[in-house]
Amino acid sequence: MPQALADPLEHRAIPKMPALLALGIRLAPHGPADLLLTQVTRRILARHAGLLERLGPYRRTRFVVTASDVPLSFLLDLARDTPAVSLHREPPAADARITGSLAALVGLVHGVWDGDALFFSRDLTVEGDTSAVLALRNAIDDAELDIGAELAGLTGPLSGVAARAIARLEAATGVPLTRARGVR
């Protein structure tokens, strides 16, 4: 098979988040967005019980993930008894901070791009406790998360419709909104 047709996803350029989608994310009301993100996080943790255990000594870490192109920061607060996620216009204080384009960050979670490659190409920066970030990355990699499927699952009987909408959005934007399933 010609190399151009067999090129793995990690060799693709990271797509730009469409301006309209980035604007929608940036303008989303934080209260409802925080609730949705926390619900998705708790759903993921319930379905992947070993994820927190995999963090070991970093189980109580506060992570800030900053989408540099939106710009918006997500605080993943594992220091609480019940983990929560909140949106912030400015990065809040945390133990570790990960910054990159939203497409790169989502693709990293979905296994489309390698974290080391993103780091060394400067598409991703890490500040603070780098050991905690490495533990988080390893835990996420092991869990094989699919944020698109988790979001669709929250819609109950409309999950099929939501999954198709997410797939269309992914196809239209090139942003990996679901878990990588081989070469696309």
N, C-alpha and C. Protein backbone atom coordinates (compact mmCIF):
# COMPACT_ATOMS: atom_id res chain seq x y z
N MET A 1 0.85 -1.18 0.00
CA MET A 1 0.00 0.00 0.00
C MET A 1 0.90 1.24 0.00
N PRO A 2 0.59 2.24 -0.83
CA PRO A 2 1.40 3.46 -0.85
C PRO A 2 1.43 4.12 0.52
N GLN A 3 2.58 4.72 0.87
CA GLN A 3 2.74 5.34 2.19
C GLN A 3 1.68 6.41 2.44
N ALA A 4 1.29 7.18 1.44
CA ALA A 4 0.31 8.24 1.63
C ALA A 4 -1.02 7.68 2.09
N LEU A 5 -1.37 6.47 1.66
CA LEU A 5 -2.65 5.87 2.06
C LEU A 5 -2.55 5.17 3.41
N ALA A 6 -1.36 4.77 3.80
CA ALA A 6 -1.19 4.02 5.04
C ALA A 6 -0.63 4.89 6.15
N ASP A 7 -0.51 6.17 5.92
CA ASP A 7 0.09 7.08 6.90
C ASP A 7 -0.68 7.06 8.22
N PRO A 8 -0.05 6.68 9.32
CA PRO A 8 -0.74 6.66 10.60
C PRO A 8 -1.16 8.05 11.03
N LEU A 9 -2.17 8.11 11.90
CA LEU A 9 -2.71 9.39 12.34
C LEU A 9 -1.68 10.28 13.00
N GLU A 10 -0.72 9.68 13.71
CA GLU A 10 0.24 10.52 14.42
C GLU A 10 1.12 11.33 13.49
N HIS A 11 1.11 11.01 12.19
CA HIS A 11 1.89 11.78 11.22
C HIS A 11 1.07 12.90 10.60
N ARG A 12 -0.22 12.94 10.87
CA ARG A 12 -1.07 14.00 10.34
C ARG A 12 -0.79 15.29 11.09
N ALA A 13 -0.99 16.38 10.41
CA ALA A 13 -0.88 17.69 11.06
C ALA A 13 -2.05 17.85 12.02
N ILE A 14 -1.79 18.54 13.10
CA ILE A 14 -2.86 18.80 14.07
C ILE A 14 -3.78 19.85 13.46
N PRO A 15 -5.08 19.53 13.34
CA PRO A 15 -6.00 20.49 12.73
C PRO A 15 -6.24 21.69 13.66
N LYS A 16 -6.63 22.77 13.06
CA LYS A 16 -7.02 23.96 13.83
C LYS A 16 -8.47 23.78 14.26
N MET A 17 -8.76 24.20 15.48
CA MET A 17 -10.14 24.18 15.95
C MET A 17 -10.89 25.25 15.13
N PRO A 18 -12.00 24.89 14.49
CA PRO A 18 -12.76 25.90 13.74
C PRO A 18 -13.13 27.08 14.63
N ALA A 19 -12.99 28.28 14.07
CA ALA A 19 -13.21 29.52 14.84
C ALA A 19 -14.60 29.55 15.48
N LEU A 20 -15.61 29.10 14.77
CA LEU A 20 -16.96 29.13 15.32
C LEU A 20 -17.10 28.18 16.51
N LEU A 21 -16.49 27.01 16.41
CA LEU A 21 -16.53 26.05 17.52
C LEU A 21 -15.74 26.58 18.71
N ALA A 22 -14.58 27.17 18.46
CA ALA A 22 -13.78 27.75 19.54
C ALA A 22 -14.54 28.87 20.23
N LEU A 23 -15.23 29.70 19.44
CA LEU A 23 -16.02 30.79 20.02
C LEU A 23 -17.14 30.23 20.88
N GLY A 24 -17.82 29.21 20.39
CA GLY A 24 -18.89 28.58 21.17
C GLY A 24 -18.40 28.02 22.49
N ILE A 25 -17.23 27.39 22.46
CA ILE A 25 -16.64 26.84 23.68
C ILE A 25 -16.27 27.97 24.63
N ARG A 26 -15.67 29.02 24.09
CA ARG A 26 -15.23 30.14 24.92
C ARG A 26 -16.41 30.87 25.55
N LEU A 27 -17.54 30.96 24.83
CA LEU A 27 -18.70 31.69 25.33
C LEU A 27 -19.66 30.82 26.15
N ALA A 28 -19.38 29.55 26.24
CA ALA A 28 -20.26 28.65 27.00
C ALA A 28 -20.36 29.14 28.44
N PRO A 29 -21.58 29.20 28.98
CA PRO A 29 -21.72 29.61 30.38
C PRO A 29 -21.00 28.62 31.30
N HIS A 30 -20.16 29.14 32.15
CA HIS A 30 -19.30 28.27 32.96
C HIS A 30 -20.08 27.37 33.91
N GLY A 31 -21.14 27.85 34.52
CA GLY A 31 -21.89 27.01 35.46
C GLY A 31 -22.37 25.72 34.82
N PRO A 32 -23.18 25.80 33.75
CA PRO A 32 -23.63 24.56 33.09
C PRO A 32 -22.48 23.75 32.50
N ALA A 33 -21.46 24.42 31.96
CA ALA A 33 -20.31 23.70 31.40
C ALA A 33 -19.58 22.94 32.50
N ASP A 34 -19.41 23.57 33.67
CA ASP A 34 -18.75 22.89 34.80
C ASP A 34 -19.52 21.63 35.18
N LEU A 35 -20.85 21.75 35.24
CA LEU A 35 -21.68 20.59 35.59
C LEU A 35 -21.53 19.47 34.57
N LEU A 36 -21.56 19.83 33.29
CA LEU A 36 -21.42 18.83 32.23
C LEU A 36 -20.04 18.17 32.29
N LEU A 37 -19.00 18.98 32.41
CA LEU A 37 -17.63 18.42 32.46
C LEU A 37 -17.44 17.53 33.68
N THR A 38 -18.00 17.95 34.82
CA THR A 38 -17.90 17.14 36.03
C THR A 38 -18.66 15.83 35.86
N GLN A 39 -19.84 15.89 35.22
CA GLN A 39 -20.62 14.67 34.98
C GLN A 39 -19.83 13.70 34.09
N VAL A 40 -19.24 14.23 33.03
CA VAL A 40 -18.45 13.39 32.12
C VAL A 40 -17.27 12.78 32.88
N THR A 41 -16.59 13.60 33.67
CA THR A 41 -15.44 13.11 34.44
C THR A 41 -15.85 12.01 35.41
N ARG A 42 -16.93 12.22 36.12
CA ARG A 42 -17.39 11.20 37.08
C ARG A 42 -17.84 9.93 36.37
N ARG A 43 -18.45 10.11 35.22
CA ARG A 43 -18.87 8.94 34.42
C ARG A 43 -17.63 8.15 33.98
N ILE A 44 -16.62 8.86 33.52
CA ILE A 44 -15.38 8.21 33.10
C ILE A 44 -14.74 7.48 34.28
N LEU A 45 -14.69 8.13 35.44
CA LEU A 45 -14.07 7.52 36.61
C LEU A 45 -14.86 6.30 37.08
N ALA A 46 -16.18 6.34 36.95
CA ALA A 46 -17.00 5.18 37.34
C ALA A 46 -16.79 4.01 36.38
N ARG A 47 -16.63 4.32 35.10
CA ARG A 47 -16.46 3.28 34.09
C ARG A 47 -15.02 2.76 34.02
N HIS A 48 -14.10 3.55 34.51
CA HIS A 48 -12.67 3.19 34.49
C HIS A 48 -12.13 3.33 35.91
N ALA A 49 -12.58 2.45 36.77
CA ALA A 49 -12.28 2.56 38.20
C ALA A 49 -10.78 2.59 38.50
N GLY A 50 -9.98 1.95 37.72
CA GLY A 50 -8.55 1.90 37.98
C GLY A 50 -7.81 3.18 37.61
N LEU A 51 -8.47 4.11 36.95
CA LEU A 51 -7.80 5.32 36.49
C LEU A 51 -7.20 6.11 37.65
N LEU A 52 -7.95 6.34 38.70
CA LEU A 52 -7.43 7.09 39.85
C LEU A 52 -6.35 6.29 40.59
N GLU A 53 -6.54 5.00 40.70
CA GLU A 53 -5.54 4.16 41.37
C GLU A 53 -4.22 4.20 40.60
N ARG A 54 -4.31 4.27 39.29
CA ARG A 54 -3.12 4.30 38.43
C ARG A 54 -2.29 5.56 38.68
N LEU A 55 -2.91 6.61 39.19
CA LEU A 55 -2.19 7.85 39.48
C LEU A 55 -1.28 7.73 40.70
N GLY A 56 -1.53 6.72 41.52
CA GLY A 56 -0.68 6.50 42.70
C GLY A 56 -0.59 7.72 43.58
N PRO A 57 0.63 8.19 43.86
CA PRO A 57 0.79 9.32 44.78
C PRO A 57 0.23 10.64 44.23
N TYR A 58 -0.15 10.66 42.96
CA TYR A 58 -0.68 11.90 42.36
C TYR A 58 -2.20 11.92 42.35
N ARG A 59 -2.81 11.02 43.12
CA ARG A 59 -4.27 10.88 43.21
C ARG A 59 -4.93 12.17 43.69
N ARG A 60 -4.25 13.00 44.44
CA ARG A 60 -4.81 14.24 45.00
C ARG A 60 -4.27 15.49 44.29
N THR A 61 -3.90 15.35 43.05
CA THR A 61 -3.29 16.45 42.30
C THR A 61 -4.36 17.32 41.64
N ARG A 62 -4.05 18.60 41.54
CA ARG A 62 -4.88 19.54 40.78
C ARG A 62 -4.16 19.82 39.46
N PHE A 63 -4.82 19.47 38.35
CA PHE A 63 -4.26 19.66 37.02
C PHE A 63 -5.00 20.78 36.31
N VAL A 64 -4.27 21.65 35.64
CA VAL A 64 -4.88 22.63 34.76
C VAL A 64 -4.49 22.27 33.34
N VAL A 65 -5.50 22.14 32.49
CA VAL A 65 -5.29 21.88 31.08
C VAL A 65 -5.76 23.13 30.34
N THR A 66 -4.83 23.79 29.66
CA THR A 66 -5.14 25.04 28.98
C THR A 66 -5.15 24.83 27.47
N ALA A 67 -6.29 25.13 26.88
CA ALA A 67 -6.42 25.09 25.42
C ALA A 67 -6.00 26.46 24.92
N SER A 68 -4.80 26.53 24.39
CA SER A 68 -4.19 27.82 24.02
C SER A 68 -4.90 28.52 22.88
N ASP A 69 -5.58 27.79 22.02
CA ASP A 69 -6.24 28.41 20.88
C ASP A 69 -7.67 28.85 21.16
N VAL A 70 -8.21 28.50 22.31
CA VAL A 70 -9.61 28.86 22.57
C VAL A 70 -9.74 30.26 23.16
N PRO A 71 -8.99 30.82 24.02
CA PRO A 71 -8.22 30.27 25.14
C PRO A 71 -9.14 30.02 26.34
N LEU A 72 -8.92 28.92 26.98
CA LEU A 72 -9.73 28.50 28.10
C LEU A 72 -8.96 27.44 28.88
N SER A 73 -9.12 27.43 30.18
CA SER A 73 -8.45 26.44 31.01
C SER A 73 -9.48 25.57 31.72
N PHE A 74 -9.14 24.31 31.85
CA PHE A 74 -9.96 23.34 32.56
C PHE A 74 -9.18 22.93 33.80
N LEU A 75 -9.81 23.06 34.96
CA LEU A 75 -9.18 22.61 36.20
C LEU A 75 -9.75 21.24 36.53
N LEU A 76 -8.90 20.23 36.52
CA LEU A 76 -9.27 18.88 36.94
C LEU A 76 -8.80 18.77 38.38
N ASP A 77 -9.75 18.85 39.29
CA ASP A 77 -9.43 18.88 40.72
C ASP A 77 -9.65 17.51 41.33
N LEU A 78 -8.57 16.77 41.46
CA LEU A 78 -8.63 15.44 42.07
C LEU A 78 -8.39 15.51 43.56
N ALA A 79 -8.05 16.71 44.07
CA ALA A 79 -7.79 16.87 45.50
C ALA A 79 -9.09 16.81 46.30
N ARG A 80 -10.21 17.02 45.65
CA ARG A 80 -11.51 16.95 46.32
C ARG A 80 -11.91 15.51 46.56
N ASP A 81 -12.80 15.29 47.51
CA ASP A 81 -13.29 13.93 47.75
C ASP A 81 -14.03 13.41 46.52
N THR A 82 -14.77 14.29 45.86
CA THR A 82 -15.45 13.94 44.62
C THR A 82 -14.82 14.78 43.52
N PRO A 83 -14.06 14.18 42.61
CA PRO A 83 -13.38 14.95 41.57
C PRO A 83 -14.34 15.85 40.79
N ALA A 84 -13.83 17.00 40.38
CA ALA A 84 -14.64 17.96 39.64
C ALA A 84 -13.79 18.62 38.57
N VAL A 85 -14.47 19.14 37.55
CA VAL A 85 -13.82 19.89 36.49
C VAL A 85 -14.52 21.23 36.39
N SER A 86 -13.73 22.29 36.24
CA SER A 86 -14.31 23.61 36.07
C SER A 86 -13.56 24.37 35.00
N LEU A 87 -14.27 25.28 34.34
CA LEU A 87 -13.70 26.13 33.29
C LEU A 87 -13.23 27.44 33.88
N HIS A 88 -12.16 27.97 33.31
CA HIS A 88 -11.61 29.24 33.77
C HIS A 88 -11.07 30.02 32.58
N ARG A 89 -11.30 31.31 32.59
CA ARG A 89 -10.76 32.16 31.52
C ARG A 89 -9.25 32.32 31.68
N GLU A 90 -8.79 32.38 32.92
CA GLU A 90 -7.35 32.46 33.23
C GLU A 90 -6.98 31.18 33.97
N PRO A 91 -5.82 30.62 33.71
CA PRO A 91 -5.42 29.38 34.39
C PRO A 91 -5.36 29.58 35.91
N PRO A 92 -6.10 28.77 36.67
CA PRO A 92 -6.04 28.85 38.13
C PRO A 92 -4.78 28.17 38.67
N ALA A 93 -4.54 28.35 39.94
CA ALA A 93 -3.39 27.69 40.59
C ALA A 93 -3.61 26.18 40.57
N ALA A 94 -2.54 25.46 40.32
CA ALA A 94 -2.62 24.00 40.28
C ALA A 94 -1.23 23.42 40.50
N ASP A 95 -1.19 22.12 40.69
CA ASP A 95 0.08 21.42 40.87
C ASP A 95 0.81 21.22 39.55
N ALA A 96 0.03 21.05 38.48
CA ALA A 96 0.62 20.80 37.16
C ALA A 96 -0.26 21.45 36.09
N ARG A 97 0.39 21.91 35.03
CA ARG A 97 -0.34 22.56 33.95
C ARG A 97 0.13 21.99 32.61
N ILE A 98 -0.84 21.69 31.76
CA ILE A 98 -0.59 21.17 30.43
C ILE A 98 -1.23 22.16 29.46
N THR A 99 -0.47 22.63 28.47
CA THR A 99 -0.99 23.61 27.52
C THR A 99 -0.74 23.13 26.10
N GLY A 100 -1.75 23.29 25.27
CA GLY A 100 -1.66 22.97 23.85
C GLY A 100 -2.93 23.37 23.17
N SER A 101 -2.99 23.21 21.87
CA SER A 101 -4.23 23.51 21.16
C SER A 101 -5.29 22.50 21.61
N LEU A 102 -6.55 22.91 21.53
CA LEU A 102 -7.62 22.02 21.96
C LEU A 102 -7.63 20.73 21.14
N ALA A 103 -7.39 20.84 19.84
CA ALA A 103 -7.36 19.64 18.99
C ALA A 103 -6.23 18.70 19.43
N ALA A 104 -5.06 19.25 19.75
CA ALA A 104 -3.94 18.42 20.20
C ALA A 104 -4.27 17.74 21.53
N LEU A 105 -4.87 18.48 22.45
CA LEU A 105 -5.21 17.92 23.76
C LEU A 105 -6.24 16.81 23.65
N VAL A 106 -7.28 17.04 22.83
CA VAL A 106 -8.31 16.02 22.65
C VAL A 106 -7.73 14.81 21.92
N GLY A 107 -6.90 15.07 20.91
CA GLY A 107 -6.25 13.97 20.19
C GLY A 107 -5.32 13.17 21.07
N LEU A 108 -4.68 13.83 22.01
CA LEU A 108 -3.81 13.15 22.97
C LEU A 108 -4.62 12.18 23.83
N VAL A 109 -5.75 12.63 24.33
CA VAL A 109 -6.62 11.77 25.14
C VAL A 109 -7.11 10.58 24.34
N HIS A 110 -7.42 10.81 23.07
CA HIS A 110 -7.97 9.75 22.23
C HIS A 110 -6.92 8.86 21.57
N GLY A 111 -5.65 9.08 21.89
CA GLY A 111 -4.61 8.22 21.36
C GLY A 111 -4.23 8.49 19.92
N VAL A 112 -4.61 9.66 19.39
CA VAL A 112 -4.28 10.00 18.01
C VAL A 112 -2.83 10.46 17.90
N TRP A 113 -2.38 11.24 18.88
CA TRP A 113 -1.01 11.73 18.87
C TRP A 113 -0.31 11.30 20.14
N ASP A 114 0.96 11.09 20.05
CA ASP A 114 1.80 10.69 21.17
C ASP A 114 2.20 11.91 21.99
N GLY A 115 2.05 11.82 23.29
CA GLY A 115 2.38 12.93 24.17
C GLY A 115 3.84 13.35 24.09
N ASP A 116 4.74 12.40 24.00
CA ASP A 116 6.17 12.74 23.89
C ASP A 116 6.44 13.52 22.60
N ALA A 117 5.84 13.06 21.51
CA ALA A 117 6.04 13.74 20.23
C ALA A 117 5.47 15.16 20.29
N LEU A 118 4.30 15.32 20.90
CA LEU A 118 3.71 16.66 21.03
C LEU A 118 4.59 17.56 21.90
N PHE A 119 5.15 16.98 22.95
CA PHE A 119 6.01 17.75 23.85
C PHE A 119 7.29 18.20 23.12
N PHE A 120 7.95 17.27 22.44
CA PHE A 120 9.22 17.60 21.79
C PHE A 120 9.04 18.50 20.56
N SER A 121 7.84 18.47 19.96
CA SER A 121 7.57 19.37 18.84
C SER A 121 7.04 20.73 19.32
N ARG A 122 6.92 20.86 20.62
CA ARG A 122 6.43 22.09 21.27
C ARG A 122 4.96 22.39 20.98
N ASP A 123 4.22 21.36 20.59
CA ASP A 123 2.78 21.50 20.43
C ASP A 123 2.10 21.37 21.79
N LEU A 124 2.86 20.95 22.79
CA LEU A 124 2.37 20.74 24.14
C LEU A 124 3.44 21.22 25.11
N THR A 125 3.03 21.96 26.12
CA THR A 125 3.97 22.35 27.16
C THR A 125 3.47 21.85 28.51
N VAL A 126 4.40 21.58 29.38
CA VAL A 126 4.09 21.07 30.71
C VAL A 126 4.82 21.95 31.72
N GLU A 127 4.10 22.36 32.76
CA GLU A 127 4.69 23.15 33.84
C GLU A 127 4.29 22.53 35.17
N GLY A 128 5.10 22.77 36.17
CA GLY A 128 4.80 22.25 37.50
C GLY A 128 5.29 20.82 37.65
N ASP A 129 4.49 20.00 38.29
CA ASP A 129 4.88 18.63 38.61
C ASP A 129 4.79 17.73 37.38
N THR A 130 5.90 17.62 36.66
CA THR A 130 5.91 16.82 35.43
C THR A 130 5.69 15.34 35.70
N SER A 131 6.08 14.86 36.88
CA SER A 131 5.83 13.46 37.23
C SER A 131 4.33 13.19 37.33
N ALA A 132 3.59 14.15 37.86
CA ALA A 132 2.13 14.01 37.95
C ALA A 132 1.52 13.98 36.56
N VAL A 133 2.02 14.84 35.66
CA VAL A 133 1.50 14.86 34.28
C VAL A 133 1.78 13.54 33.59
N LEU A 134 2.96 12.99 33.78
CA LEU A 134 3.29 11.70 33.19
C LEU A 134 2.38 10.61 33.74
N ALA A 135 2.12 10.63 35.03
CA ALA A 135 1.22 9.64 35.64
C ALA A 135 -0.19 9.78 35.07
N LEU A 136 -0.65 11.03 34.89
CA LEU A 136 -1.98 11.26 34.31
C LEU A 136 -2.03 10.74 32.88
N ARG A 137 -1.02 11.06 32.10
CA ARG A 137 -0.98 10.59 30.70
C ARG A 137 -1.01 9.07 30.64
N ASN A 138 -0.21 8.40 31.48
CA ASN A 138 -0.19 6.94 31.49
C ASN A 138 -1.54 6.37 31.90
N ALA A 139 -2.18 6.98 32.88
CA ALA A 139 -3.49 6.50 33.34
C ALA A 139 -4.53 6.66 32.23
N ILE A 140 -4.50 7.79 31.54
CA ILE A 140 -5.44 8.04 30.44
C ILE A 140 -5.18 7.08 29.29
N ASP A 141 -3.91 6.88 28.94
CA ASP A 141 -3.56 5.93 27.87
C ASP A 141 -4.08 4.53 28.19
N ASP A 142 -3.87 4.09 29.43
CA ASP A 142 -4.32 2.75 29.83
C ASP A 142 -5.84 2.61 29.78
N ALA A 143 -6.55 3.69 30.10
CA ALA A 143 -8.01 3.63 30.14
C ALA A 143 -8.64 3.67 28.75
N GLU A 144 -7.88 4.10 27.73
CA GLU A 144 -8.39 4.21 26.37
C GLU A 144 -9.72 4.97 26.34
N LEU A 145 -9.70 6.19 26.85
CA LEU A 145 -10.89 7.01 26.97
C LEU A 145 -11.45 7.43 25.61
N ASP A 146 -12.75 7.64 25.58
CA ASP A 146 -13.44 8.16 24.40
C ASP A 146 -14.42 9.22 24.88
N ILE A 147 -13.98 10.47 24.85
CA ILE A 147 -14.80 11.57 25.36
C ILE A 147 -16.08 11.71 24.54
N GLY A 148 -15.99 11.54 23.23
CA GLY A 148 -17.19 11.63 22.39
C GLY A 148 -18.24 10.61 22.80
N ALA A 149 -17.81 9.38 23.03
CA ALA A 149 -18.75 8.33 23.46
C ALA A 149 -19.33 8.63 24.83
N GLU A 150 -18.50 9.17 25.72
CA GLU A 150 -18.99 9.52 27.06
C GLU A 150 -20.03 10.63 26.99
N LEU A 151 -19.76 11.65 26.16
CA LEU A 151 -20.74 12.73 25.99
C LEU A 151 -22.04 12.21 25.39
N ALA A 152 -21.92 11.38 24.36
CA ALA A 152 -23.12 10.80 23.74
C ALA A 152 -23.89 9.96 24.75
N GLY A 153 -23.17 9.22 25.59
CA GLY A 153 -23.82 8.39 26.60
C GLY A 153 -24.62 9.17 27.61
N LEU A 154 -24.27 10.41 27.84
CA LEU A 154 -25.02 11.25 28.79
C LEU A 154 -26.40 11.64 28.26
N THR A 155 -26.62 11.47 26.97
CA THR A 155 -27.90 11.89 26.38
C THR A 155 -28.96 10.81 26.45
N GLY A 156 -28.65 9.70 27.10
CA GLY A 156 -29.65 8.64 27.29
C GLY A 156 -30.17 8.07 25.99
N PRO A 157 -31.50 8.13 25.80
CA PRO A 157 -32.09 7.53 24.59
C PRO A 157 -31.67 8.23 23.29
N LEU A 158 -31.10 9.41 23.40
CA LEU A 158 -30.64 10.12 22.21
C LEU A 158 -29.16 9.89 21.92
N SER A 159 -28.57 8.89 22.59
CA SER A 159 -27.13 8.67 22.45
C SER A 159 -26.72 8.34 21.02
N GLY A 160 -27.55 7.63 20.28
CA GLY A 160 -27.23 7.31 18.89
C GLY A 160 -27.20 8.57 18.03
N VAL A 161 -28.16 9.44 18.23
CA VAL A 161 -28.22 10.71 17.50
C VAL A 161 -27.01 11.57 17.87
N ALA A 162 -26.70 11.63 19.17
CA ALA A 162 -25.55 12.42 19.63
C ALA A 162 -24.26 11.87 19.06
N ALA A 163 -24.10 10.55 19.05
CA ALA A 163 -22.88 9.93 18.51
C ALA A 163 -22.72 10.26 17.03
N ARG A 164 -23.82 10.23 16.27
CA ARG A 164 -23.75 10.58 14.85
C ARG A 164 -23.39 12.05 14.67
N ALA A 165 -23.93 12.92 15.50
CA ALA A 165 -23.61 14.35 15.42
C ALA A 165 -22.13 14.59 15.72
N ILE A 166 -21.62 13.90 16.73
CA ILE A 166 -20.20 14.02 17.08
C ILE A 166 -19.33 13.51 15.94
N ALA A 167 -19.73 12.40 15.33
CA ALA A 167 -18.97 11.85 14.19
C ALA A 167 -18.97 12.82 13.01
N ARG A 168 -20.11 13.47 12.75
CA ARG A 168 -20.17 14.45 11.66
C ARG A 168 -19.28 15.65 11.95
N LEU A 169 -19.31 16.10 13.19
CA LEU A 169 -18.48 17.23 13.59
C LEU A 169 -17.00 16.87 13.47
N GLU A 170 -16.66 15.67 13.86
CA GLU A 170 -15.28 15.19 13.74
C GLU A 170 -14.86 15.14 12.27
N ALA A 171 -15.72 14.62 11.41
CA ALA A 171 -15.40 14.53 9.99
C ALA A 171 -15.25 15.91 9.36
N ALA A 172 -16.10 16.83 9.77
CA ALA A 172 -16.08 18.18 9.19
C ALA A 172 -14.87 19.00 9.64
N THR A 173 -14.42 18.77 10.87
CA THR A 173 -13.35 19.59 11.44
C THR A 173 -11.98 18.94 11.39
N GLY A 174 -11.94 17.62 11.35
CA GLY A 174 -10.67 16.91 11.43
C GLY A 174 -10.17 16.78 12.86
N VAL A 175 -10.89 17.33 13.83
CA VAL A 175 -10.52 17.25 15.23
C VAL A 175 -10.96 15.88 15.76
N PRO A 176 -10.06 15.10 16.34
CA PRO A 176 -10.39 13.74 16.80
C PRO A 176 -11.27 13.77 18.05
N LEU A 177 -12.57 13.80 17.87
CA LEU A 177 -13.51 13.90 18.98
C LEU A 177 -13.87 12.55 19.59
N THR A 178 -13.36 11.47 19.00
CA THR A 178 -13.61 10.12 19.51
C THR A 178 -12.28 9.35 19.54
N ARG A 179 -12.31 8.21 20.18
CA ARG A 179 -11.13 7.37 20.30
C ARG A 179 -10.67 6.88 18.93
N ALA A 180 -9.36 6.93 18.69
CA ALA A 180 -8.78 6.47 17.43
C ALA A 180 -9.05 4.98 17.25
N ARG A 181 -9.49 4.59 16.10
CA ARG A 181 -9.74 3.19 15.80
C ARG A 181 -8.95 2.83 14.55
N GLY A 182 -7.65 2.80 14.68
CA GLY A 182 -6.82 2.48 13.52
C GLY A 182 -6.70 3.68 12.59
N VAL A 183 -6.31 3.42 11.36
CA VAL A 183 -6.13 4.49 10.38
C VAL A 183 -7.49 4.88 9.83
N ARG A 184 -7.72 6.19 9.81
CA ARG A 184 -8.99 6.68 9.24
C ARG A 184 -8.78 7.15 7.84
